[in-house]
N, C-alpha and C. Protein backbone atom coordinates (compact mmCIF):
# COMPACT_ATOMS: atom_id res chain seq x y z
N MET A 1 104.49 351.21 -24.63
CA MET A 1 103.43 351.48 -23.69
C MET A 1 102.08 351.59 -24.41
N GLU A 2 102.09 352.15 -25.59
CA GLU A 2 100.84 352.29 -26.34
C GLU A 2 100.27 350.93 -26.71
N HIS A 3 101.15 349.95 -26.96
CA HIS A 3 100.67 348.62 -27.30
C HIS A 3 99.94 347.97 -26.11
N VAL A 4 100.43 348.19 -24.94
CA VAL A 4 99.81 347.65 -23.73
C VAL A 4 98.43 348.28 -23.53
N ILE A 5 98.32 349.55 -23.75
CA ILE A 5 97.04 350.24 -23.60
C ILE A 5 96.05 349.73 -24.65
N LEU A 6 96.52 349.48 -25.87
CA LEU A 6 95.64 348.94 -26.91
C LEU A 6 95.15 347.54 -26.55
N ILE A 7 96.02 346.74 -25.96
CA ILE A 7 95.63 345.38 -25.55
C ILE A 7 94.56 345.44 -24.45
N PHE A 8 94.75 346.31 -23.46
CA PHE A 8 93.76 346.46 -22.39
C PHE A 8 92.43 346.98 -22.92
N ASN A 9 92.46 347.90 -23.86
CA ASN A 9 91.22 348.41 -24.45
C ASN A 9 90.49 347.30 -25.22
N ALA A 10 91.24 346.45 -25.90
CA ALA A 10 90.63 345.33 -26.62
C ALA A 10 90.01 344.34 -25.63
N LEU A 11 90.69 344.09 -24.53
CA LEU A 11 90.16 343.18 -23.51
C LEU A 11 88.89 343.74 -22.87
N LYS A 12 88.77 345.06 -22.75
CA LYS A 12 87.56 345.67 -22.20
C LYS A 12 86.36 345.37 -23.09
N LEU A 13 86.58 345.22 -24.38
CA LEU A 13 85.49 344.92 -25.29
C LEU A 13 85.17 343.43 -25.35
N VAL A 14 86.19 342.58 -25.23
CA VAL A 14 86.01 341.14 -25.38
C VAL A 14 85.46 340.50 -24.10
N SER A 15 85.88 340.95 -22.94
CA SER A 15 85.49 340.29 -21.69
C SER A 15 83.98 340.33 -21.44
N PRO A 16 83.26 341.41 -21.72
CA PRO A 16 81.79 341.34 -21.52
C PRO A 16 81.13 340.32 -22.45
N ILE A 17 81.68 340.16 -23.64
CA ILE A 17 81.13 339.18 -24.57
C ILE A 17 81.34 337.76 -24.02
N ILE A 18 82.50 337.49 -23.47
CA ILE A 18 82.79 336.17 -22.89
C ILE A 18 81.90 335.92 -21.68
N VAL A 19 81.76 336.90 -20.81
CA VAL A 19 80.93 336.75 -19.61
C VAL A 19 79.46 336.56 -20.01
N GLY A 20 78.98 337.32 -20.98
CA GLY A 20 77.60 337.19 -21.44
C GLY A 20 77.35 335.82 -22.04
N GLY A 21 78.28 335.36 -22.86
CA GLY A 21 78.14 334.02 -23.46
C GLY A 21 78.14 332.94 -22.40
N ALA A 22 79.00 333.06 -21.41
CA ALA A 22 79.05 332.07 -20.33
C ALA A 22 77.75 332.09 -19.52
N ALA A 23 77.18 333.26 -19.28
CA ALA A 23 75.92 333.37 -18.53
C ALA A 23 74.77 332.73 -19.32
N ILE A 24 74.74 332.96 -20.62
CA ILE A 24 73.69 332.36 -21.45
C ILE A 24 73.83 330.84 -21.46
N TYR A 25 75.05 330.35 -21.58
CA TYR A 25 75.29 328.90 -21.58
C TYR A 25 74.91 328.29 -20.23
N ALA A 26 75.23 328.97 -19.13
CA ALA A 26 74.87 328.47 -17.81
C ALA A 26 73.35 328.42 -17.64
N ALA A 27 72.67 329.44 -18.13
CA ALA A 27 71.20 329.45 -18.06
C ALA A 27 70.63 328.30 -18.89
N TYR A 28 71.19 328.05 -20.06
CA TYR A 28 70.74 326.94 -20.91
C TYR A 28 70.92 325.60 -20.19
N LEU A 29 72.08 325.39 -19.57
CA LEU A 29 72.33 324.15 -18.84
C LEU A 29 71.33 323.96 -17.70
N CYS A 30 71.04 325.04 -17.01
CA CYS A 30 70.09 324.98 -15.90
C CYS A 30 68.70 324.61 -16.40
N VAL A 31 68.26 325.26 -17.46
CA VAL A 31 66.91 325.02 -17.98
C VAL A 31 66.80 323.62 -18.59
N SER A 32 67.82 323.18 -19.30
CA SER A 32 67.72 321.89 -19.97
C SER A 32 67.99 320.71 -19.04
N GLY A 33 68.69 320.90 -17.95
CA GLY A 33 69.03 319.79 -17.06
C GLY A 33 68.23 319.75 -15.78
N PHE A 34 68.10 320.87 -15.12
CA PHE A 34 67.52 320.92 -13.79
C PHE A 34 66.00 321.10 -13.84
N LEU A 35 65.53 321.91 -14.74
CA LEU A 35 64.11 322.22 -14.82
C LEU A 35 63.24 321.00 -15.14
N PRO A 36 63.62 320.13 -16.10
CA PRO A 36 62.79 318.95 -16.34
C PRO A 36 62.64 318.05 -15.12
N VAL A 37 63.68 317.94 -14.31
CA VAL A 37 63.60 317.12 -13.10
C VAL A 37 62.61 317.74 -12.11
N LEU A 38 62.65 319.05 -11.97
CA LEU A 38 61.72 319.72 -11.07
C LEU A 38 60.28 319.58 -11.55
N ILE A 39 60.07 319.66 -12.85
CA ILE A 39 58.72 319.51 -13.40
C ILE A 39 58.22 318.09 -13.16
N ARG A 40 59.07 317.09 -13.41
CA ARG A 40 58.65 315.70 -13.17
C ARG A 40 58.38 315.46 -11.70
N LEU A 41 59.19 316.04 -10.83
CA LEU A 41 58.96 315.88 -9.40
C LEU A 41 57.64 316.52 -9.00
N GLY A 42 57.40 317.73 -9.48
CA GLY A 42 56.14 318.41 -9.16
C GLY A 42 54.93 317.64 -9.64
N ASN A 43 54.98 317.14 -10.87
CA ASN A 43 53.88 316.33 -11.39
C ASN A 43 53.73 315.05 -10.59
N GLY A 44 54.85 314.45 -10.22
CA GLY A 44 54.80 313.21 -9.45
C GLY A 44 54.18 313.42 -8.09
N LEU A 45 54.52 314.50 -7.44
CA LEU A 45 53.99 314.74 -6.11
C LEU A 45 52.52 315.15 -6.16
N LYS A 46 52.12 315.83 -7.22
CA LYS A 46 50.76 316.35 -7.29
C LYS A 46 49.77 315.36 -7.89
N LYS A 47 50.16 314.66 -8.94
CA LYS A 47 49.20 313.89 -9.73
C LYS A 47 49.27 312.39 -9.55
N ARG A 48 50.39 311.86 -9.16
CA ARG A 48 50.55 310.40 -9.15
C ARG A 48 50.06 309.80 -7.84
N LYS A 49 49.58 308.56 -7.94
CA LYS A 49 48.98 307.89 -6.79
C LYS A 49 49.93 306.82 -6.25
N ILE A 50 49.87 306.63 -4.93
CA ILE A 50 50.70 305.66 -4.24
C ILE A 50 49.79 304.60 -3.62
N ALA A 51 49.98 303.36 -4.01
CA ALA A 51 49.23 302.26 -3.42
C ALA A 51 50.04 301.67 -2.28
N ILE A 52 49.48 301.70 -1.09
CA ILE A 52 50.16 301.16 0.09
C ILE A 52 49.54 299.80 0.41
N PHE A 53 50.32 298.75 0.21
CA PHE A 53 49.89 297.40 0.51
C PHE A 53 50.33 297.09 1.94
N ALA A 54 49.42 297.27 2.88
CA ALA A 54 49.73 297.00 4.29
C ALA A 54 48.43 296.76 5.02
N LYS A 55 48.54 296.11 6.17
CA LYS A 55 47.36 295.77 6.96
C LYS A 55 47.45 296.39 8.34
N GLY A 56 46.31 296.67 8.93
CA GLY A 56 46.22 297.12 10.31
C GLY A 56 46.98 298.39 10.62
N ASP A 57 47.71 298.35 11.72
CA ASP A 57 48.45 299.52 12.18
C ASP A 57 49.54 299.93 11.19
N ALA A 58 50.12 298.98 10.50
CA ALA A 58 51.17 299.30 9.52
C ALA A 58 50.61 300.16 8.39
N ALA A 59 49.39 299.85 7.94
CA ALA A 59 48.77 300.63 6.87
C ALA A 59 48.55 302.07 7.32
N GLU A 60 48.03 302.22 8.52
CA GLU A 60 47.77 303.57 9.03
C GLU A 60 49.08 304.33 9.24
N SER A 61 50.06 303.66 9.78
CA SER A 61 51.36 304.29 10.05
C SER A 61 52.04 304.76 8.77
N LEU A 62 52.00 303.92 7.72
CA LEU A 62 52.64 304.30 6.45
C LEU A 62 51.88 305.43 5.76
N ALA A 63 50.55 305.39 5.83
CA ALA A 63 49.75 306.48 5.24
C ALA A 63 50.03 307.80 5.95
N VAL A 64 50.14 307.75 7.27
CA VAL A 64 50.42 308.96 8.04
C VAL A 64 51.83 309.49 7.72
N LEU A 65 52.76 308.59 7.44
CA LEU A 65 54.11 309.02 7.06
C LEU A 65 54.06 309.94 5.84
N PHE A 66 53.27 309.57 4.83
CA PHE A 66 53.16 310.38 3.62
C PHE A 66 52.32 311.64 3.86
N GLU A 67 51.28 311.52 4.65
CA GLU A 67 50.44 312.69 4.94
C GLU A 67 51.20 313.73 5.74
N ASP A 68 51.99 313.29 6.72
CA ASP A 68 52.74 314.22 7.57
C ASP A 68 53.85 314.94 6.81
N SER A 69 54.32 314.34 5.73
CA SER A 69 55.40 314.97 4.97
C SER A 69 54.91 316.23 4.26
N LYS A 70 53.60 316.34 4.04
CA LYS A 70 52.98 317.47 3.33
C LYS A 70 53.47 317.57 1.88
N LEU A 71 54.10 316.54 1.36
CA LEU A 71 54.54 316.51 -0.03
C LEU A 71 53.48 315.91 -0.94
N PHE A 72 52.69 315.01 -0.40
CA PHE A 72 51.73 314.25 -1.19
C PHE A 72 50.32 314.63 -0.82
N SER A 73 49.45 314.63 -1.80
CA SER A 73 48.03 314.86 -1.55
C SER A 73 47.44 313.59 -0.93
N THR A 74 46.66 313.74 0.12
CA THR A 74 46.10 312.58 0.81
C THR A 74 45.11 311.82 -0.08
N LYS A 75 44.53 312.49 -1.05
CA LYS A 75 43.59 311.80 -1.95
C LYS A 75 44.32 310.87 -2.92
N ASN A 76 45.64 311.01 -3.03
CA ASN A 76 46.43 310.19 -3.94
C ASN A 76 47.02 308.96 -3.25
N ILE A 77 46.64 308.70 -2.02
CA ILE A 77 47.13 307.53 -1.30
C ILE A 77 46.03 306.49 -1.28
N ILE A 78 46.33 305.33 -1.85
CA ILE A 78 45.37 304.23 -1.95
C ILE A 78 45.82 303.14 -0.97
N ARG A 79 44.96 302.79 -0.05
CA ARG A 79 45.29 301.76 0.94
C ARG A 79 44.73 300.42 0.48
N ILE A 80 45.61 299.44 0.40
CA ILE A 80 45.23 298.08 0.02
C ILE A 80 45.46 297.19 1.25
N ALA A 81 44.37 296.73 1.86
CA ALA A 81 44.48 295.95 3.09
C ALA A 81 44.07 294.49 2.92
N ASP A 82 43.57 294.14 1.74
CA ASP A 82 43.10 292.78 1.51
C ASP A 82 43.43 292.39 0.08
N ASN A 83 43.72 291.12 -0.16
CA ASN A 83 44.08 290.72 -1.53
C ASN A 83 42.91 290.87 -2.50
N GLY A 84 41.71 291.01 -2.01
CA GLY A 84 40.56 291.30 -2.87
C GLY A 84 40.54 292.74 -3.36
N ASP A 85 41.36 293.59 -2.74
CA ASP A 85 41.43 295.00 -3.12
C ASP A 85 42.54 295.30 -4.12
N PHE A 86 43.23 294.29 -4.61
CA PHE A 86 44.36 294.51 -5.52
C PHE A 86 43.95 295.31 -6.76
N GLY A 87 42.71 295.16 -7.19
CA GLY A 87 42.24 295.90 -8.36
C GLY A 87 42.26 297.41 -8.17
N ARG A 88 42.16 297.87 -6.93
CA ARG A 88 42.22 299.31 -6.65
C ARG A 88 43.58 299.90 -6.97
N ALA A 89 44.60 299.06 -7.06
CA ALA A 89 45.96 299.54 -7.30
C ALA A 89 46.25 299.79 -8.77
N GLU A 90 45.29 299.51 -9.67
CA GLU A 90 45.54 299.67 -11.10
C GLU A 90 45.90 301.10 -11.48
N ASP A 91 45.33 302.09 -10.80
CA ASP A 91 45.59 303.49 -11.12
C ASP A 91 46.84 304.03 -10.42
N ALA A 92 47.45 303.23 -9.59
CA ALA A 92 48.59 303.71 -8.80
C ALA A 92 49.85 303.82 -9.65
N SER A 93 50.64 304.82 -9.35
CA SER A 93 51.91 305.04 -10.04
C SER A 93 53.07 304.40 -9.31
N VAL A 94 52.91 304.19 -8.01
CA VAL A 94 53.96 303.58 -7.18
C VAL A 94 53.29 302.57 -6.26
N PHE A 95 53.91 301.40 -6.12
CA PHE A 95 53.45 300.40 -5.17
C PHE A 95 54.41 300.42 -3.98
N LEU A 96 53.86 300.55 -2.78
CA LEU A 96 54.64 300.43 -1.55
C LEU A 96 54.09 299.22 -0.80
N VAL A 97 54.93 298.22 -0.60
CA VAL A 97 54.49 296.96 0.02
C VAL A 97 55.18 296.80 1.37
N HIS A 98 54.36 296.64 2.41
CA HIS A 98 54.89 296.28 3.73
C HIS A 98 54.99 294.76 3.73
N TRP A 99 56.19 294.25 3.48
CA TRP A 99 56.39 292.82 3.23
C TRP A 99 55.88 291.91 4.33
N PRO A 100 56.05 292.20 5.62
CA PRO A 100 55.57 291.25 6.64
C PRO A 100 54.07 290.97 6.57
N ASP A 101 53.30 291.87 5.96
CA ASP A 101 51.86 291.66 5.84
C ASP A 101 51.47 290.81 4.62
N TRP A 102 52.38 290.65 3.66
CA TRP A 102 52.04 290.00 2.40
C TRP A 102 53.01 288.89 1.97
N PRO A 103 53.55 288.07 2.86
CA PRO A 103 54.52 287.06 2.39
C PRO A 103 53.89 286.03 1.45
N ASP A 104 52.61 285.70 1.64
CA ASP A 104 51.97 284.69 0.80
C ASP A 104 51.47 285.27 -0.53
N ASP A 105 51.14 286.54 -0.55
CA ASP A 105 50.60 287.18 -1.76
C ASP A 105 51.63 288.06 -2.47
N PHE A 106 52.88 287.98 -2.05
CA PHE A 106 53.90 288.85 -2.60
C PHE A 106 54.07 288.67 -4.11
N ASP A 107 54.04 287.42 -4.57
CA ASP A 107 54.17 287.14 -6.01
C ASP A 107 53.03 287.79 -6.80
N SER A 108 51.83 287.78 -6.25
CA SER A 108 50.67 288.39 -6.92
C SER A 108 50.83 289.90 -7.04
N ILE A 109 51.37 290.52 -6.00
CA ILE A 109 51.57 291.98 -6.03
C ILE A 109 52.62 292.33 -7.08
N VAL A 110 53.71 291.60 -7.11
CA VAL A 110 54.76 291.87 -8.08
C VAL A 110 54.24 291.64 -9.49
N ALA A 111 53.40 290.63 -9.68
CA ALA A 111 52.82 290.37 -11.01
C ALA A 111 51.88 291.49 -11.43
N LYS A 112 51.22 292.13 -10.48
CA LYS A 112 50.29 293.23 -10.76
C LYS A 112 51.03 294.50 -11.18
N LYS A 113 52.27 294.63 -10.77
CA LYS A 113 53.08 295.81 -11.05
C LYS A 113 53.42 295.86 -12.54
N GLY A 114 53.18 297.00 -13.15
CA GLY A 114 53.57 297.18 -14.54
C GLY A 114 55.06 297.42 -14.66
N ASP A 115 55.57 297.35 -15.87
CA ASP A 115 57.01 297.52 -16.08
C ASP A 115 57.49 298.92 -15.69
N ARG A 116 56.66 299.92 -15.91
CA ARG A 116 57.05 301.29 -15.60
C ARG A 116 56.59 301.74 -14.20
N THR A 117 55.98 300.84 -13.46
CA THR A 117 55.50 301.17 -12.12
C THR A 117 56.57 300.82 -11.09
N PRO A 118 57.03 301.80 -10.34
CA PRO A 118 58.02 301.50 -9.30
C PRO A 118 57.41 300.68 -8.16
N LEU A 119 58.21 299.82 -7.61
CA LEU A 119 57.80 299.00 -6.47
C LEU A 119 58.81 299.25 -5.35
N VAL A 120 58.29 299.72 -4.22
CA VAL A 120 59.13 299.93 -3.04
C VAL A 120 58.68 298.90 -2.01
N VAL A 121 59.60 298.02 -1.63
CA VAL A 121 59.29 296.97 -0.66
C VAL A 121 59.92 297.36 0.67
N TYR A 122 59.05 297.50 1.67
CA TYR A 122 59.51 297.82 3.02
C TYR A 122 59.54 296.53 3.83
N ALA A 123 60.74 296.07 4.15
CA ALA A 123 60.93 294.82 4.88
C ALA A 123 61.78 295.09 6.11
N PRO A 124 61.14 295.56 7.20
CA PRO A 124 61.92 295.84 8.41
C PRO A 124 62.59 294.57 8.94
N GLN A 125 63.86 294.67 9.27
CA GLN A 125 64.62 293.50 9.68
C GLN A 125 64.11 292.89 10.97
N GLY A 126 63.48 293.69 11.80
CA GLY A 126 62.92 293.17 13.05
C GLY A 126 61.79 292.19 12.83
N LYS A 127 61.21 292.18 11.65
CA LYS A 127 60.09 291.28 11.33
C LYS A 127 60.53 290.12 10.45
N GLY A 128 61.82 289.92 10.30
CA GLY A 128 62.34 288.83 9.49
C GLY A 128 62.88 289.33 8.16
N PHE A 129 63.73 288.51 7.58
CA PHE A 129 64.36 288.88 6.31
C PHE A 129 63.54 288.39 5.13
N LEU A 130 63.67 289.08 4.04
CA LEU A 130 63.02 288.67 2.79
C LEU A 130 63.67 287.38 2.32
N PRO A 131 62.88 286.36 1.97
CA PRO A 131 63.47 285.11 1.51
C PRO A 131 64.21 285.30 0.19
N GLU A 132 65.17 284.43 -0.05
CA GLU A 132 65.97 284.52 -1.28
C GLU A 132 65.11 284.40 -2.53
N ALA A 133 64.06 283.61 -2.48
CA ALA A 133 63.18 283.46 -3.64
C ALA A 133 62.50 284.79 -3.98
N SER A 134 62.09 285.52 -2.96
CA SER A 134 61.45 286.82 -3.19
C SER A 134 62.46 287.84 -3.72
N ILE A 135 63.67 287.81 -3.23
CA ILE A 135 64.71 288.71 -3.73
C ILE A 135 65.03 288.38 -5.18
N ALA A 136 65.08 287.09 -5.51
CA ALA A 136 65.32 286.68 -6.90
C ALA A 136 64.18 287.17 -7.80
N LEU A 137 62.95 287.13 -7.30
CA LEU A 137 61.81 287.64 -8.06
C LEU A 137 61.96 289.14 -8.30
N LEU A 138 62.37 289.87 -7.29
CA LEU A 138 62.54 291.32 -7.43
C LEU A 138 63.65 291.67 -8.40
N GLU A 139 64.70 290.87 -8.44
CA GLU A 139 65.83 291.15 -9.32
C GLU A 139 65.47 291.02 -10.79
N ARG A 140 64.37 290.36 -11.10
CA ARG A 140 63.96 290.21 -12.50
C ARG A 140 63.14 291.40 -13.00
N HIS A 141 62.85 292.36 -12.12
CA HIS A 141 62.00 293.49 -12.49
C HIS A 141 62.77 294.80 -12.40
N ARG A 142 62.33 295.76 -13.22
CA ARG A 142 62.92 297.11 -13.17
C ARG A 142 62.18 297.94 -12.13
N ASN A 143 62.79 299.04 -11.75
CA ASN A 143 62.17 300.02 -10.84
C ASN A 143 61.72 299.41 -9.52
N VAL A 144 62.61 298.68 -8.89
CA VAL A 144 62.32 298.04 -7.61
C VAL A 144 63.32 298.54 -6.57
N VAL A 145 62.79 298.86 -5.39
CA VAL A 145 63.63 299.31 -4.27
C VAL A 145 63.29 298.45 -3.07
N LEU A 146 64.31 297.99 -2.38
CA LEU A 146 64.12 297.22 -1.15
C LEU A 146 64.66 298.06 0.01
N ALA A 147 63.76 298.44 0.92
CA ALA A 147 64.14 299.30 2.04
C ALA A 147 63.93 298.54 3.34
N ASN A 148 64.94 298.57 4.19
CA ASN A 148 64.84 297.93 5.50
C ASN A 148 64.59 298.94 6.61
N LEU A 149 64.72 300.21 6.30
CA LEU A 149 64.56 301.25 7.31
C LEU A 149 63.39 302.17 6.95
N ARG A 150 62.57 302.46 7.92
CA ARG A 150 61.39 303.31 7.71
C ARG A 150 61.78 304.70 7.22
N GLY A 151 62.90 305.21 7.67
CA GLY A 151 63.35 306.54 7.27
C GLY A 151 63.70 306.64 5.79
N ARG A 152 63.95 305.53 5.14
CA ARG A 152 64.29 305.52 3.71
C ARG A 152 63.05 305.57 2.82
N LEU A 153 61.90 305.20 3.34
CA LEU A 153 60.72 305.03 2.50
C LEU A 153 60.35 306.29 1.74
N LEU A 154 60.26 307.40 2.43
CA LEU A 154 59.86 308.64 1.78
C LEU A 154 60.85 309.02 0.68
N ASN A 155 62.13 308.88 0.98
CA ASN A 155 63.17 309.18 -0.01
C ASN A 155 63.06 308.24 -1.21
N ASP A 156 62.85 306.96 -0.97
CA ASP A 156 62.76 305.99 -2.06
C ASP A 156 61.55 306.24 -2.95
N VAL A 157 60.43 306.64 -2.37
CA VAL A 157 59.24 306.93 -3.16
C VAL A 157 59.46 308.18 -4.00
N VAL A 158 60.04 309.22 -3.41
CA VAL A 158 60.30 310.46 -4.16
C VAL A 158 61.27 310.19 -5.31
N ILE A 159 62.33 309.45 -5.06
CA ILE A 159 63.28 309.11 -6.13
C ILE A 159 62.60 308.27 -7.21
N SER A 160 61.73 307.37 -6.82
CA SER A 160 61.00 306.56 -7.80
C SER A 160 60.10 307.44 -8.67
N LEU A 161 59.50 308.45 -8.07
CA LEU A 161 58.66 309.36 -8.83
C LEU A 161 59.48 310.19 -9.82
N ILE A 162 60.68 310.55 -9.43
CA ILE A 162 61.54 311.33 -10.33
C ILE A 162 62.03 310.47 -11.49
N THR A 163 62.42 309.25 -11.19
CA THR A 163 63.06 308.43 -12.23
C THR A 163 62.08 307.82 -13.22
N THR A 164 60.81 307.73 -12.84
CA THR A 164 59.82 307.25 -13.79
C THR A 164 59.03 308.45 -14.28
N ALA A 165 59.11 308.72 -15.55
CA ALA A 165 58.49 309.92 -16.12
C ALA A 165 56.99 309.88 -15.96
N TYR A 166 56.43 311.06 -15.82
CA TYR A 166 54.98 311.20 -15.71
C TYR A 166 54.36 310.98 -17.08
N GLU A 167 53.33 310.14 -17.12
CA GLU A 167 52.64 309.88 -18.38
C GLU A 167 51.20 310.38 -18.25
N LYS A 168 50.72 311.13 -19.23
CA LYS A 168 49.33 311.56 -19.24
C LYS A 168 48.46 310.38 -19.59
N ARG A 169 47.33 310.26 -18.91
CA ARG A 169 46.42 309.13 -19.16
C ARG A 169 45.21 309.61 -19.87
């Protein structure tokens, strides 16, 4: 019986050490894995600019989508409504293209996109499908998302901001 009591007394001393070590390790995992993603997301939402390539009502509708979400600063939304305005997109961190408005200039927009700049192409199926040549062009680039549903756009932009690290300029 005395041996059993000695074993329990030893366990009383060892178990807090195991629990403390596990708590410290869990905190380390949280800080090293989860915190950097939150920091990148916060920087992305606060500092990075979104260039919306759309014309007319589509441009206004897409800008309002981001403004209504209250996630993005309205000053960080750049509206590109004419191919002469492509130069305004140089400071943008994400390109959002409403494909039905730019079928003839689509190659120029993709060429303007940097390697680290995400490109989100919104191609609603009701306005026609993206041609195979344009899809082949997109497949040659990194950080490209093709969305057919308006509800996916906000999610795709946020994910693009997370996956491309924030760079100080």
